[in-house]
Amino acid sequence: MGILWIIIVGFVAGALAKYIMPGKEGGGFVMTTLLGIFGAFVGDWLGGLLGMSRLLDGLLGSIVSATLGALLILWIYNKWFKK
């Protein structure tokens, strides 16, 4: 994925991840976008690592992999950094 594409998809993925796994993390729009962008990188990397890059081509596959990456990051954050 290109950087601009990752940012755009990351924003959507961050919003979806916060909708699926709501919490009191705070941060608002900026943190949600950063979460999604980082999740897009993680999801893209994991998809390539697992050989699923062909399945994850296109808009829907990109959003799904980025959302799964963002959910993973959000879960790790809540598990390790929240009391």
C-alpha atoms as a PDB file:
ATOM      1  CA  MET A   1       0.000   0.000   0.000  1.00  0.00           C
ATOM      2  CA  GLY A   2       1.125   3.553  -0.614  1.00  0.00           C
ATOM      3  CA  ILE A   3       1.549   5.955   2.274  1.00  0.00           C
ATOM      4  CA  LEU A   4      -1.416   8.146   1.313  1.00  0.00           C
ATOM      5  CA  TRP A   5      -3.623   5.076   0.913  1.00  0.00           C
ATOM      6  CA  ILE A   6      -2.551   3.812   4.348  1.00  0.00           C
ATOM      7  CA  ILE A   7      -3.456   7.175   5.920  1.00  0.00           C
ATOM      8  CA  ILE A   8      -6.891   7.235   4.307  1.00  0.00           C
ATOM      9  CA  VAL A   9      -7.670   3.611   5.083  1.00  0.00           C
ATOM     10  CA  GLY A  10      -6.134   4.061   8.535  1.00  0.00           C
ATOM     11  CA  PHE A  11      -8.594   6.789   9.385  1.00  0.00           C
ATOM     12  CA  VAL A  12     -11.534   4.565   8.438  1.00  0.00           C
ATOM     13  CA  ALA A  13     -10.008   1.582  10.241  1.00  0.00           C
ATOM     14  CA  GLY A  14      -9.367   3.589  13.412  1.00  0.00           C
ATOM     15  CA  ALA A  15     -12.965   4.753  13.474  1.00  0.00           C
ATOM     16  CA  LEU A  16     -14.216   1.195  12.945  1.00  0.00           C
ATOM     17  CA  ALA A  17     -11.919  -0.180  15.648  1.00  0.00           C
ATOM     18  CA  LYS A  18     -13.112   2.414  18.169  1.00  0.00           C
ATOM     19  CA  TYR A  19     -16.708   1.580  17.233  1.00  0.00           C
ATOM     20  CA  ILE A  20     -16.148  -2.173  17.625  1.00  0.00           C
ATOM     21  CA  MET A  21     -14.071  -1.865  20.826  1.00  0.00           C
ATOM     22  CA  PRO A  22     -15.161   1.343  22.560  1.00  0.00           C
ATOM     23  CA  GLY A  23     -13.398   2.480  25.680  1.00  0.00           C
ATOM     24  CA  LYS A  24     -12.216   5.456  27.647  1.00  0.00           C
ATOM     25  CA  GLU A  25      -8.856   5.829  25.924  1.00  0.00           C
ATOM     26  CA  GLY A  26      -9.552   9.423  25.033  1.00  0.00           C
ATOM     27  CA  GLY A  27      -7.511  11.198  22.432  1.00  0.00           C
ATOM     28  CA  GLY A  28     -10.397  11.897  20.099  1.00  0.00           C
ATOM     29  CA  PHE A  29      -9.993  12.321  16.367  1.00  0.00           C
ATOM     30  CA  VAL A  30      -6.190  12.484  16.296  1.00  0.00           C
ATOM     31  CA  MET A  31      -5.610   9.353  18.374  1.00  0.00           C
ATOM     32  CA  THR A  32      -8.273   7.432  16.459  1.00  0.00           C
ATOM     33  CA  THR A  33      -6.591   8.344  13.184  1.00  0.00           C
ATOM     34  CA  LEU A  34      -3.123   7.435  14.475  1.00  0.00           C
ATOM     35  CA  LEU A  35      -4.451   4.142  15.823  1.00  0.00           C
ATOM     36  CA  GLY A  36      -5.935   3.324  12.443  1.00  0.00           C
ATOM     37  CA  ILE A  37      -2.802   4.317  10.524  1.00  0.00           C
ATOM     38  CA  PHE A  38      -0.601   2.188  12.742  1.00  0.00           C
ATOM     39  CA  GLY A  39      -3.176  -0.598  12.477  1.00  0.00           C
ATOM     40  CA  ALA A  40      -3.054  -0.303   8.688  1.00  0.00           C
ATOM     41  CA  PHE A  41       0.709  -0.778   8.743  1.00  0.00           C
ATOM     42  CA  VAL A  42       0.400  -3.743  11.122  1.00  0.00           C
ATOM     43  CA  GLY A  43      -2.466  -5.292   9.149  1.00  0.00           C
ATOM     44  CA  ASP A  44      -0.622  -4.872   5.847  1.00  0.00           C
ATOM     45  CA  TRP A  45       2.537  -6.365   7.317  1.00  0.00           C
ATOM     46  CA  LEU A  46       0.710  -9.320   8.891  1.00  0.00           C
ATOM     47  CA  GLY A  47      -1.247  -9.944   5.689  1.00  0.00           C
ATOM     48  CA  GLY A  48       1.985 -10.102   3.703  1.00  0.00           C
ATOM     49  CA  LEU A  49       3.663 -12.244   6.346  1.00  0.00           C
ATOM     50  CA  LEU A  50       0.807 -14.748   6.333  1.00  0.00           C
ATOM     51  CA  GLY A  51       0.647 -14.807   2.534  1.00  0.00           C
ATOM     52  CA  MET A  52      -2.793 -13.209   2.411  1.00  0.00           C
ATOM     53  CA  SER A  53      -1.767 -10.122   0.456  1.00  0.00           C
ATOM     54  CA  ARG A  54      -3.697 -11.314  -2.592  1.00  0.00           C
ATOM     55  CA  LEU A  55      -6.881 -11.658  -0.519  1.00  0.00           C
ATOM     56  CA  LEU A  56      -6.358  -8.221   0.996  1.00  0.00           C
ATOM     57  CA  ASP A  57      -6.094  -6.360  -2.310  1.00  0.00           C
ATOM     58  CA  GLY A  58      -8.630  -3.663  -2.982  1.00  0.00           C
ATOM     59  CA  LEU A  59     -10.518  -1.291  -0.754  1.00  0.00           C
ATOM     60  CA  LEU A  60     -12.467  -3.840   1.285  1.00  0.00           C
ATOM     61  CA  GLY A  61      -9.457  -6.047   1.963  1.00  0.00           C
ATOM     62  CA  SER A  62      -7.381  -3.041   2.967  1.00  0.00           C
ATOM     63  CA  ILE A  63     -10.032  -1.791   5.373  1.00  0.00           C
ATOM     64  CA  VAL A  64     -10.496  -5.259   6.889  1.00  0.00           C
ATOM     65  CA  SER A  65      -6.763  -5.818   7.421  1.00  0.00           C
ATOM     66  CA  ALA A  66      -6.251  -2.302   8.783  1.00  0.00           C
ATOM     67  CA  THR A  67      -9.216  -2.639  11.147  1.00  0.00           C
ATOM     68  CA  LEU A  68      -7.932  -5.987  12.412  1.00  0.00           C
ATOM     69  CA  GLY A  69      -4.501  -4.429  12.938  1.00  0.00           C
ATOM     70  CA  ALA A  70      -6.043  -1.476  14.793  1.00  0.00           C
ATOM     71  CA  LEU A  71      -8.117  -3.818  16.961  1.00  0.00           C
ATOM     72  CA  LEU A  72      -4.978  -5.777  17.808  1.00  0.00           C
ATOM     73  CA  ILE A  73      -3.151  -2.600  18.787  1.00  0.00           C
ATOM     74  CA  LEU A  74      -6.122  -1.345  20.805  1.00  0.00           C
ATOM     75  CA  TRP A  75      -6.384  -4.696  22.613  1.00  0.00           C
ATOM     76  CA  ILE A  76      -2.644  -4.686  23.414  1.00  0.00           C
ATOM     77  CA  TYR A  77      -2.876  -1.098  24.660  1.00  0.00           C
ATOM     78  CA  ASN A  78      -5.835  -1.907  26.902  1.00  0.00           C
ATOM     79  CA  LYS A  79      -4.183  -5.086  28.199  1.00  0.00           C
ATOM     80  CA  TRP A  80      -0.768  -3.636  29.020  1.00  0.00           C
ATOM     81  CA  PHE A  81      -1.269   0.034  29.739  1.00  0.00           C
ATOM     82  CA  LYS A  82      -4.654   0.218  31.425  1.00  0.00           C
ATOM     83  CA  LYS A  83      -5.222  -0.669  35.053  1.00  0.00           C
END
